[in-house]
Amino acid sequence: SCTTPGVADSFYCMGWFRQTPGKEREAVASIDDVGSTA
């Protein structure tokens, strides 16, 4: 789960990334404001 504490806001695009020590951060998934995913 991921959230923004305090004042709620709307974002166009949100995503999940992951990073292992010694390696570059890589994208896992994204979702836009109307539910389209990648």
Full PDB file with SEQRES, HELIX, SHEET, SSBOND, CRYST1, ORIGX, SCALE, CONECT and MASTER records, all heavy atoms in Angstrom:
SEQRES   1 A   38  SER CYS THR THR PRO GLY VAL ALA ASP SER PHE TYR CYS          
SEQRES   2 A   38  MET GLY TRP PHE ARG GLN THR PRO GLY LYS GLU ARG GLU          
SEQRES   3 A   38  ALA VAL ALA SER ILE ASP ASP VAL GLY SER THR ALA              
SHEET    1 AA1 2 CYS A  13  ARG A  18  0                                        
SHEET    2 AA1 2 GLU A  26  ASP A  32 -1                                        
CRYST1    1.000    1.000    1.000  90.00  90.00  90.00 P 1           1          
ORIGX1      1.000000  0.000000  0.000000        0.00000                         
ORIGX2      0.000000  1.000000  0.000000        0.00000                         
ORIGX3      0.000000  0.000000  1.000000        0.00000                         
SCALE1      1.000000  0.000000  0.000000        0.00000                         
SCALE2      0.000000  1.000000  0.000000        0.00000                         
SCALE3      0.000000  0.000000  1.000000        0.00000                         
ATOM      1  N   SER A   1       0.838  -1.188   0.000  1.00  0.00           N  
ATOM      2  CA  SER A   1       0.000   0.000   0.000  1.00  0.00           C  
ATOM      3  C   SER A   1       0.875   1.241   0.000  1.00  0.00           C  
ATOM      4  O   SER A   1       1.998   1.231   0.492  1.00  0.00           O  
ATOM      5  CB  SER A   1      -0.918   0.026   1.224  1.00  0.00           C  
ATOM      6  OG  SER A   1      -1.784  -1.093   1.244  1.00  0.00           O  
ATOM      7  N   CYS A   2       0.330   2.313  -0.526  1.00  0.00           N  
ATOM      8  CA  CYS A   2       1.031   3.584  -0.584  1.00  0.00           C  
ATOM      9  C   CYS A   2       0.010   4.695  -0.424  1.00  0.00           C  
ATOM     10  O   CYS A   2      -1.061   4.659  -1.034  1.00  0.00           O  
ATOM     11  CB  CYS A   2       1.771   3.715  -1.917  1.00  0.00           C  
ATOM     12  SG  CYS A   2       2.480   5.354  -2.233  1.00  0.00           S  
ATOM     13  N   THR A   3       0.352   5.687   0.386  1.00  0.00           N  
ATOM     14  CA  THR A   3      -0.566   6.792   0.582  1.00  0.00           C  
ATOM     15  C   THR A   3       0.200   8.075   0.867  1.00  0.00           C  
ATOM     16  O   THR A   3       1.400   8.048   1.135  1.00  0.00           O  
ATOM     17  CB  THR A   3      -1.539   6.512   1.738  1.00  0.00           C  
ATOM     18  OG1 THR A   3      -2.549   7.523   1.789  1.00  0.00           O  
ATOM     19  CG2 THR A   3      -0.784   6.488   3.072  1.00  0.00           C  
ATOM     20  N   THR A   4      -0.503   9.178   0.800  1.00  0.00           N  
ATOM     21  CA  THR A   4       0.066  10.486   1.103  1.00  0.00           C  
ATOM     22  C   THR A   4      -0.533  10.990   2.407  1.00  0.00           C  
ATOM     23  O   THR A   4      -1.718  11.321   2.451  1.00  0.00           O  
ATOM     24  CB  THR A   4      -0.228  11.497  -0.008  1.00  0.00           C  
ATOM     25  OG1 THR A   4       0.260  11.006  -1.254  1.00  0.00           O  
ATOM     26  CG2 THR A   4       0.435  12.829   0.299  1.00  0.00           C  
ATOM     27  N   PRO A   5       0.244  11.038   3.480  1.00  0.00           N  
ATOM     28  CA  PRO A   5      -0.280  11.529   4.752  1.00  0.00           C  
ATOM     29  C   PRO A   5      -0.702  12.987   4.654  1.00  0.00           C  
ATOM     30  O   PRO A   5      -0.154  13.751   3.859  1.00  0.00           O  
ATOM     31  CB  PRO A   5       0.911  11.364   5.712  1.00  0.00           C  
ATOM     32  CG  PRO A   5       1.775  10.332   5.062  1.00  0.00           C  
ATOM     33  CD  PRO A   5       1.637  10.581   3.599  1.00  0.00           C  
ATOM     34  N   GLY A   6      -1.674  13.359   5.466  1.00  0.00           N  
ATOM     35  CA  GLY A   6      -2.120  14.735   5.501  1.00  0.00           C  
ATOM     36  C   GLY A   6      -3.148  15.040   4.422  1.00  0.00           C  
ATOM     37  O   GLY A   6      -4.100  14.297   4.231  1.00  0.00           O  
ATOM     38  N   VAL A   7      -2.938  16.129   3.752  1.00  0.00           N  
ATOM     39  CA  VAL A   7      -3.878  16.598   2.747  1.00  0.00           C  
ATOM     40  C   VAL A   7      -3.968  15.619   1.580  1.00  0.00           C  
ATOM     41  O   VAL A   7      -2.955  15.275   0.970  1.00  0.00           O  
ATOM     42  CB  VAL A   7      -3.484  17.986   2.233  1.00  0.00           C  
ATOM     43  CG1 VAL A   7      -4.474  18.460   1.172  1.00  0.00           C  
ATOM     44  CG2 VAL A   7      -3.419  18.980   3.382  1.00  0.00           C  
ATOM     45  N   ALA A   8      -5.176  15.204   1.277  1.00  0.00           N  
ATOM     46  CA  ALA A   8      -5.389  14.295   0.160  1.00  0.00           C  
ATOM     47  C   ALA A   8      -5.249  15.051  -1.158  1.00  0.00           C  
ATOM     48  O   ALA A   8      -5.566  16.234  -1.249  1.00  0.00           O  
ATOM     49  CB  ALA A   8      -6.764  13.651   0.261  1.00  0.00           C  
ATOM     50  N   ASP A   9      -4.790  14.361  -2.158  1.00  0.00           N  
ATOM     51  CA  ASP A   9      -4.593  14.969  -3.464  1.00  0.00           C  
ATOM     52  C   ASP A   9      -4.812  13.926  -4.538  1.00  0.00           C  
ATOM     53  O   ASP A   9      -4.812  12.719  -4.273  1.00  0.00           O  
ATOM     54  CB  ASP A   9      -3.187  15.564  -3.567  1.00  0.00           C  
ATOM     55  CG  ASP A   9      -3.059  16.567  -4.698  1.00  0.00           C  
ATOM     56  OD1 ASP A   9      -4.079  16.904  -5.328  1.00  0.00           O  
ATOM     57  OD2 ASP A   9      -1.925  17.014  -4.969  1.00  0.00           O  
ATOM     58  N   SER A  10      -5.007  14.394  -5.747  1.00  0.00           N  
ATOM     59  CA  SER A  10      -5.189  13.512  -6.884  1.00  0.00           C  
ATOM     60  C   SER A  10      -3.961  13.596  -7.783  1.00  0.00           C  
ATOM     61  O   SER A  10      -3.417  14.674  -7.996  1.00  0.00           O  
ATOM     62  CB  SER A  10      -6.443  13.877  -7.670  1.00  0.00           C  
ATOM     63  OG  SER A  10      -7.609  13.709  -6.888  1.00  0.00           O  
ATOM     64  N   PHE A  11      -3.532  12.452  -8.288  1.00  0.00           N  
ATOM     65  CA  PHE A  11      -2.383  12.383  -9.172  1.00  0.00           C  
ATOM     66  C   PHE A  11      -2.780  11.747 -10.492  1.00  0.00           C  
ATOM     67  O   PHE A  11      -3.626  10.859 -10.545  1.00  0.00           O  
ATOM     68  CB  PHE A  11      -1.257  11.577  -8.536  1.00  0.00           C  
ATOM     69  CG  PHE A  11      -0.824  12.085  -7.197  1.00  0.00           C  
ATOM     70  CD1 PHE A  11      -1.263  11.483  -6.039  1.00  0.00           C  
ATOM     71  CD2 PHE A  11       0.032  13.166  -7.106  1.00  0.00           C  
ATOM     72  CE1 PHE A  11      -0.866  11.949  -4.797  1.00  0.00           C  
ATOM     73  CE2 PHE A  11       0.439  13.649  -5.873  1.00  0.00           C  
ATOM     74  CZ  PHE A  11      -0.014  13.033  -4.709  1.00  0.00           C  
ATOM     75  N   TYR A  12      -2.172  12.211 -11.551  1.00  0.00           N  
ATOM     76  CA  TYR A  12      -2.436  11.627 -12.861  1.00  0.00           C  
ATOM     77  C   TYR A  12      -1.905  10.202 -12.953  1.00  0.00           C  
ATOM     78  O   TYR A  12      -2.614   9.280 -13.340  1.00  0.00           O  
ATOM     79  CB  TYR A  12      -1.798  12.475 -13.950  1.00  0.00           C  
ATOM     80  CG  TYR A  12      -2.518  13.772 -14.235  1.00  0.00           C  
ATOM     81  CD1 TYR A  12      -2.164  14.947 -13.587  1.00  0.00           C  
ATOM     82  CD2 TYR A  12      -3.543  13.816 -15.168  1.00  0.00           C  
ATOM     83  CE1 TYR A  12      -2.819  16.142 -13.851  1.00  0.00           C  
ATOM     84  CE2 TYR A  12      -4.208  15.001 -15.442  1.00  0.00           C  
ATOM     85  CZ  TYR A  12      -3.839  16.160 -14.779  1.00  0.00           C  
ATOM     86  OH  TYR A  12      -4.501  17.347 -15.052  1.00  0.00           O  
ATOM     87  N   CYS A  13      -0.663  10.042 -12.618  1.00  0.00           N  
ATOM     88  CA  CYS A  13       0.013   8.762 -12.763  1.00  0.00           C  
ATOM     89  C   CYS A  13       0.704   8.362 -11.458  1.00  0.00           C  
ATOM     90  O   CYS A  13       1.360   9.185 -10.821  1.00  0.00           O  
ATOM     91  CB  CYS A  13       1.043   8.844 -13.886  1.00  0.00           C  
ATOM     92  SG  CYS A  13       2.016   7.350 -14.152  1.00  0.00           S  
ATOM     93  N   MET A  14       0.553   7.114 -11.086  1.00  0.00           N  
ATOM     94  CA  MET A  14       1.256   6.570  -9.934  1.00  0.00           C  
ATOM     95  C   MET A  14       1.878   5.236 -10.333  1.00  0.00           C  
ATOM     96  O   MET A  14       1.317   4.512 -11.158  1.00  0.00           O  
ATOM     97  CB  MET A  14       0.325   6.385  -8.746  1.00  0.00           C  
ATOM     98  CG  MET A  14      -0.340   7.673  -8.286  1.00  0.00           C  
ATOM     99  SD  MET A  14      -1.205   7.514  -6.714  1.00  0.00           S  
ATOM    100  CE  MET A  14       0.200   7.467  -5.582  1.00  0.00           C  
ATOM    101  N   GLY A  15       3.013   4.942  -9.752  1.00  0.00           N  
ATOM    102  CA  GLY A  15       3.701   3.728 -10.132  1.00  0.00           C  
ATOM    103  C   GLY A  15       4.437   3.068  -8.989  1.00  0.00           C  
ATOM    104  O   GLY A  15       4.655   3.666  -7.930  1.00  0.00           O  
ATOM    105  N   TRP A  16       4.801   1.818  -9.212  1.00  0.00           N  
ATOM    106  CA  TRP A  16       5.624   1.048  -8.288  1.00  0.00           C  
ATOM    107  C   TRP A  16       6.954   0.740  -8.951  1.00  0.00           C  
ATOM    108  O   TRP A  16       6.995   0.320 -10.112  1.00  0.00           O  
ATOM    109  CB  TRP A  16       4.948  -0.259  -7.886  1.00  0.00           C  
ATOM    110  CG  TRP A  16       3.811  -0.089  -6.931  1.00  0.00           C  
ATOM    111  CD1 TRP A  16       2.490  -0.063  -7.222  1.00  0.00           C  
ATOM    112  CD2 TRP A  16       3.912   0.060  -5.514  1.00  0.00           C  
ATOM    113  NE1 TRP A  16       1.749   0.101  -6.075  1.00  0.00           N  
ATOM    114  CE2 TRP A  16       2.592   0.175  -5.010  1.00  0.00           C  
ATOM    115  CE3 TRP A  16       4.982   0.108  -4.615  1.00  0.00           C  
ATOM    116  CZ2 TRP A  16       2.323   0.340  -3.651  1.00  0.00           C  
ATOM    117  CZ3 TRP A  16       4.714   0.275  -3.262  1.00  0.00           C  
ATOM    118  CH2 TRP A  16       3.390   0.388  -2.799  1.00  0.00           C  
ATOM    119  N   PHE A  17       8.020   0.950  -8.210  1.00  0.00           N  
ATOM    120  CA  PHE A  17       9.366   0.648  -8.653  1.00  0.00           C  
ATOM    121  C   PHE A  17      10.023  -0.243  -7.609  1.00  0.00           C  
ATOM    122  O   PHE A  17       9.571  -0.323  -6.470  1.00  0.00           O  
ATOM    123  CB  PHE A  17      10.186   1.921  -8.838  1.00  0.00           C  
ATOM    124  CG  PHE A  17       9.712   2.803  -9.960  1.00  0.00           C  
ATOM    125  CD1 PHE A  17       8.590   3.594  -9.817  1.00  0.00           C  
ATOM    126  CD2 PHE A  17      10.400   2.835 -11.172  1.00  0.00           C  
ATOM    127  CE1 PHE A  17       8.149   4.411 -10.846  1.00  0.00           C  
ATOM    128  CE2 PHE A  17       9.969   3.644 -12.210  1.00  0.00           C  
ATOM    129  CZ  PHE A  17       8.844   4.431 -12.047  1.00  0.00           C  
ATOM    130  N   ARG A  18      11.093  -0.896  -7.991  1.00  0.00           N  
ATOM    131  CA  ARG A  18      11.850  -1.686  -7.034  1.00  0.00           C  
ATOM    132  C   ARG A  18      13.333  -1.540  -7.317  1.00  0.00           C  
ATOM    133  O   ARG A  18      13.748  -1.294  -8.446  1.00  0.00           O  
ATOM    134  CB  ARG A  18      11.438  -3.156  -7.061  1.00  0.00           C  
ATOM    135  CG  ARG A  18      11.762  -3.897  -8.354  1.00  0.00           C  
ATOM    136  CD  ARG A  18      11.174  -5.294  -8.300  1.00  0.00           C  
ATOM    137  NE  ARG A  18      11.539  -6.103  -9.455  1.00  0.00           N  
ATOM    138  CZ  ARG A  18      11.064  -7.312  -9.699  1.00  0.00           C  
ATOM    139  NH1 ARG A  18      10.193  -7.870  -8.853  1.00  0.00           N  
ATOM    140  NH2 ARG A  18      11.457  -7.978 -10.774  1.00  0.00           N  
ATOM    141  N   GLN A  19      14.120  -1.703  -6.257  1.00  0.00           N  
ATOM    142  CA  GLN A  19      15.551  -1.546  -6.394  1.00  0.00           C  
ATOM    143  C   GLN A  19      16.282  -2.479  -5.437  1.00  0.00           C  
ATOM    144  O   GLN A  19      15.998  -2.509  -4.245  1.00  0.00           O  
ATOM    145  CB  GLN A  19      15.978  -0.101  -6.134  1.00  0.00           C  
ATOM    146  CG  GLN A  19      17.444   0.164  -6.404  1.00  0.00           C  
ATOM    147  CD  GLN A  19      17.771   1.640  -6.386  1.00  0.00           C  
ATOM    148  OE1 GLN A  19      17.072   2.440  -5.764  1.00  0.00           O  
ATOM    149  NE2 GLN A  19      18.831   2.020  -7.077  1.00  0.00           N  
ATOM    150  N   THR A  20      17.215  -3.232  -5.988  1.00  0.00           N  
ATOM    151  CA  THR A  20      18.060  -4.132  -5.234  1.00  0.00           C  
ATOM    152  C   THR A  20      19.426  -3.478  -5.075  1.00  0.00           C  
ATOM    153  O   THR A  20      19.906  -2.826  -6.009  1.00  0.00           O  
ATOM    154  CB  THR A  20      18.198  -5.481  -5.958  1.00  0.00           C  
ATOM    155  OG1 THR A  20      16.902  -6.057  -6.123  1.00  0.00           O  
ATOM    156  CG2 THR A  20      19.078  -6.437  -5.179  1.00  0.00           C  
ATOM    157  N   PRO A  21      20.067  -3.619  -3.921  1.00  0.00           N  
ATOM    158  CA  PRO A  21      21.380  -3.003  -3.735  1.00  0.00           C  
ATOM    159  C   PRO A  21      22.343  -3.340  -4.861  1.00  0.00           C  
ATOM    160  O   PRO A  21      22.475  -4.500  -5.259  1.00  0.00           O  
ATOM    161  CB  PRO A  21      21.851  -3.599  -2.403  1.00  0.00           C  
ATOM    162  CG  PRO A  21      20.587  -3.837  -1.653  1.00  0.00           C  
ATOM    163  CD  PRO A  21      19.602  -4.296  -2.706  1.00  0.00           C  
ATOM    164  N   GLY A  22      22.993  -2.316  -5.391  1.00  0.00           N  
ATOM    165  CA  GLY A  22      23.943  -2.502  -6.465  1.00  0.00           C  
ATOM    166  C   GLY A  22      23.343  -2.489  -7.852  1.00  0.00           C  
ATOM    167  O   GLY A  22      24.081  -2.607  -8.836  1.00  0.00           O  
ATOM    168  N   LYS A  23      22.029  -2.363  -7.940  1.00  0.00           N  
ATOM    169  CA  LYS A  23      21.376  -2.347  -9.238  1.00  0.00           C  
ATOM    170  C   LYS A  23      20.530  -1.088  -9.404  1.00  0.00           C  
ATOM    171  O   LYS A  23      20.174  -0.432  -8.425  1.00  0.00           O  
ATOM    172  CB  LYS A  23      20.501  -3.588  -9.415  1.00  0.00           C  
ATOM    173  CG  LYS A  23      21.278  -4.893  -9.404  1.00  0.00           C  
ATOM    174  CD  LYS A  23      20.366  -6.070  -9.671  1.00  0.00           C  
ATOM    175  CE  LYS A  23      21.146  -7.367  -9.707  1.00  0.00           C  
ATOM    176  NZ  LYS A  23      20.273  -8.522  -9.994  1.00  0.00           N  
ATOM    177  N   GLU A  24      20.215  -0.775 -10.644  1.00  0.00           N  
ATOM    178  CA  GLU A  24      19.398   0.392 -10.944  1.00  0.00           C  
ATOM    179  C   GLU A  24      17.943   0.140 -10.581  1.00  0.00           C  
ATOM    180  O   GLU A  24      17.461  -0.990 -10.586  1.00  0.00           O  
ATOM    181  CB  GLU A  24      19.513   0.750 -12.422  1.00  0.00           C  
ATOM    182  CG  GLU A  24      20.891   1.218 -12.849  1.00  0.00           C  
ATOM    183  CD  GLU A  24      21.278   2.526 -12.207  1.00  0.00           C  
ATOM    184  OE1 GLU A  24      20.409   3.410 -12.086  1.00  0.00           O  
ATOM    185  OE2 GLU A  24      22.450   2.669 -11.810  1.00  0.00           O  
ATOM    186  N   ARG A  25      17.256   1.212 -10.269  1.00  0.00           N  
ATOM    187  CA  ARG A  25      15.841   1.119  -9.973  1.00  0.00           C  
ATOM    188  C   ARG A  25      15.076   0.738 -11.240  1.00  0.00           C  
ATOM    189  O   ARG A  25      15.341   1.268 -12.321  1.00  0.00           O  
ATOM    190  CB  ARG A  25      15.334   2.455  -9.427  1.00  0.00           C  
ATOM    191  CG  ARG A  25      13.884   2.465  -8.999  1.00  0.00           C  
ATOM    192  CD  ARG A  25      13.561   3.739  -8.242  1.00  0.00           C  
ATOM    193  NE  ARG A  25      14.360   3.844  -7.026  1.00  0.00           N  
ATOM    194  CZ  ARG A  25      14.266   4.853  -6.160  1.00  0.00           C  
ATOM    195  NH1 ARG A  25      13.411   5.838  -6.389  1.00  0.00           N  
ATOM    196  NH2 ARG A  25      15.035   4.871  -5.081  1.00  0.00           N  
ATOM    197  N   GLU A  26      14.131  -0.173 -11.118  1.00  0.00           N  
ATOM    198  CA  GLU A  26      13.358  -0.616 -12.263  1.00  0.00           C  
ATOM    199  C   GLU A  26      11.866  -0.452 -12.005  1.00  0.00           C  
ATOM    200  O   GLU A  26      11.388  -0.620 -10.887  1.00  0.00           O  
ATOM    201  CB  GLU A  26      13.676  -2.077 -12.608  1.00  0.00           C  
ATOM    202  CG  GLU A  26      13.298  -3.070 -11.530  1.00  0.00           C  
ATOM    203  CD  GLU A  26      13.485  -4.508 -11.973  1.00  0.00           C  
ATOM    204  OE1 GLU A  26      13.173  -4.820 -13.146  1.00  0.00           O  
ATOM    205  OE2 GLU A  26      13.947  -5.321 -11.147  1.00  0.00           O  
ATOM    206  N   ALA A  27      11.146  -0.142 -13.064  1.00  0.00           N  
ATOM    207  CA  ALA A  27       9.706   0.026 -12.974  1.00  0.00           C  
ATOM    208  C   ALA A  27       9.018  -1.328 -12.871  1.00  0.00           C  
ATOM    209  O   ALA A  27       9.444  -2.304 -13.490  1.00  0.00           O  
ATOM    210  CB  ALA A  27       9.184   0.790 -14.185  1.00  0.00           C  
ATOM    211  N   VAL A  28       7.951  -1.384 -12.105  1.00  0.00           N  
ATOM    212  CA  VAL A  28       7.157  -2.593 -11.941  1.00  0.00           C  
ATOM    213  C   VAL A  28       5.790  -2.436 -12.595  1.00  0.00           C  
ATOM    214  O   VAL A  28       5.364  -3.280 -13.380  1.00  0.00           O  
ATOM    215  CB  VAL A  28       6.986  -2.956 -10.458  1.00  0.00           C  
ATOM    216  CG1 VAL A  28       6.089  -4.180 -10.306  1.00  0.00           C  
ATOM    217  CG2 VAL A  28       8.337  -3.189  -9.814  1.00  0.00           C  
ATOM    218  N   ALA A  29       5.096  -1.351 -12.276  1.00  0.00           N  
ATOM    219  CA  ALA A  29       3.761  -1.131 -12.810  1.00  0.00           C  
ATOM    220  C   ALA A  29       3.365   0.319 -12.628  1.00  0.00           C  
ATOM    221  O   ALA A  29       3.923   1.025 -11.784  1.00  0.00           O  
ATOM    222  CB  ALA A  29       2.737  -2.039 -12.121  1.00  0.00           C  
ATOM    223  N   SER A  30       2.394   0.769 -13.401  1.00  0.00           N  
ATOM    224  CA  SER A  30       1.856   2.114 -13.263  1.00  0.00           C  
ATOM    225  C   SER A  30       0.358   2.094 -13.510  1.00  0.00           C  
ATOM    226  O   SER A  30      -0.175   1.162 -14.116  1.00  0.00           O  
ATOM    227  CB  SER A  30       2.536   3.092 -14.232  1.00  0.00           C  
ATOM    228  OG  SER A  30       2.118   2.857 -15.569  1.00  0.00           O  
ATOM    229  N   ILE A  31      -0.302   3.139 -13.032  1.00  0.00           N  
ATOM    230  CA  ILE A  31      -1.740   3.287 -13.236  1.00  0.00           C  
ATOM    231  C   ILE A  31      -2.060   4.773 -13.314  1.00  0.00           C  
ATOM    232  O   ILE A  31      -1.537   5.570 -12.536  1.00  0.00           O  
ATOM    233  CB  ILE A  31      -2.534   2.593 -12.108  1.00  0.00           C  
ATOM    234  CG1 ILE A  31      -4.035   2.682 -12.377  1.00  0.00           C  
ATOM    235  CG2 ILE A  31      -2.181   3.192 -10.749  1.00  0.00           C  
ATOM    236  CD1 ILE A  31      -4.852   1.788 -11.444  1.00  0.00           C  
ATOM    237  N   ASP A  32      -2.900   5.160 -14.262  1.00  0.00           N  
ATOM    238  CA  ASP A  32      -3.250   6.557 -14.392  1.00  0.00           C  
ATOM    239  C   ASP A  32      -4.533   6.866 -13.634  1.00  0.00           C  
ATOM    240  O   ASP A  32      -5.090   6.018 -12.933  1.00  0.00           O  
ATOM    241  CB  ASP A  32      -3.335   6.977 -15.864  1.00  0.00           C  
ATOM    242  CG  ASP A  32      -4.490   6.325 -16.614  1.00  0.00           C  
ATOM    243  OD1 ASP A  32      -5.378   5.728 -15.985  1.00  0.00           O  
ATOM    244  OD2 ASP A  32      -4.506   6.423 -17.862  1.00  0.00           O  
ATOM    245  N   ASP A  33      -5.009   8.102 -13.778  1.00  0.00           N  
ATOM    246  CA  ASP A  33      -6.137   8.555 -12.974  1.00  0.00           C  
ATOM    247  C   ASP A  33      -7.461   7.899 -13.337  1.00  0.00           C  
ATOM    248  O   ASP A  33      -8.420   7.986 -12.559  1.00  0.00           O  
ATOM    249  CB  ASP A  33      -6.266  10.083 -13.058  1.00  0.00           C  
ATOM    250  CG  ASP A  33      -6.424  10.568 -14.489  1.00  0.00           C  
ATOM    251  OD1 ASP A  33      -5.801  10.000 -15.397  1.00  0.00           O  
ATOM    252  OD2 ASP A  33      -7.156  11.554 -14.686  1.00  0.00           O  
ATOM    253  N   VAL A  34      -7.547   7.272 -14.495  1.00  0.00           N  
ATOM    254  CA  VAL A  34      -8.786   6.609 -14.894  1.00  0.00           C  
ATOM    255  C   VAL A  34      -8.649   5.092 -14.904  1.00  0.00           C  
ATOM    256  O   VAL A  34      -9.537   4.399 -15.393  1.00  0.00           O  
ATOM    257  CB  VAL A  34      -9.276   7.104 -16.263  1.00  0.00           C  
ATOM    258  CG1 VAL A  34      -9.664   8.568 -16.183  1.00  0.00           C  
ATOM    259  CG2 VAL A  34      -8.224   6.884 -17.334  1.00  0.00           C  
ATOM    260  N   GLY A  35      -7.546   4.574 -14.381  1.00  0.00           N  
ATOM    261  CA  GLY A  35      -7.407   3.148 -14.203  1.00  0.00           C  
ATOM    262  C   GLY A  35      -6.638   2.386 -15.257  1.00  0.00           C  
ATOM    263  O   GLY A  35      -6.534   1.157 -15.163  1.00  0.00           O  
ATOM    264  N   SER A  36      -6.095   3.063 -16.249  1.00  0.00           N  
ATOM    265  CA  SER A  36      -5.284   2.371 -17.250  1.00  0.00           C  
ATOM    266  C   SER A  36      -3.958   1.948 -16.632  1.00  0.00           C  
ATOM    267  O   SER A  36      -3.316   2.728 -15.936  1.00  0.00           O  
ATOM    268  CB  SER A  36      -5.043   3.279 -18.453  1.00  0.00           C  
ATOM    269  OG  SER A  36      -6.261   3.590 -19.107  1.00  0.00           O  
ATOM    270  N   THR A  37      -3.536   0.722 -16.909  1.00  0.00           N  
ATOM    271  CA  THR A  37      -2.355   0.161 -16.264  1.00  0.00           C  
ATOM    272  C   THR A  37      -1.283  -0.250 -17.256  1.00  0.00           C  
ATOM    273  O   THR A  37      -1.548  -0.463 -18.437  1.00  0.00           O  
ATOM    274  CB  THR A  37      -2.728  -1.060 -15.418  1.00  0.00           C  
ATOM    275  OG1 THR A  37      -3.321  -2.060 -16.262  1.00  0.00           O  
ATOM    276  CG2 THR A  37      -3.720  -0.679 -14.329  1.00  0.00           C  
ATOM    277  N   ALA A  38      -0.074  -0.368 -16.743  1.00  0.00           N  
ATOM    278  CA  ALA A  38       1.052  -0.872 -17.505  1.00  0.00           C  
ATOM    279  C   ALA A  38       1.918  -1.693 -16.569  1.00  0.00           C  
ATOM    280  O   ALA A  38       2.039  -1.369 -15.385  1.00  0.00           O  
ATOM    281  CB  ALA A  38       1.857   0.279 -18.112  1.00  0.00           C  
TER     282      ALA A  38                                                      
MASTER        0    0    0    0    2    0    0    6  281    1    0    3          
END                                                                             
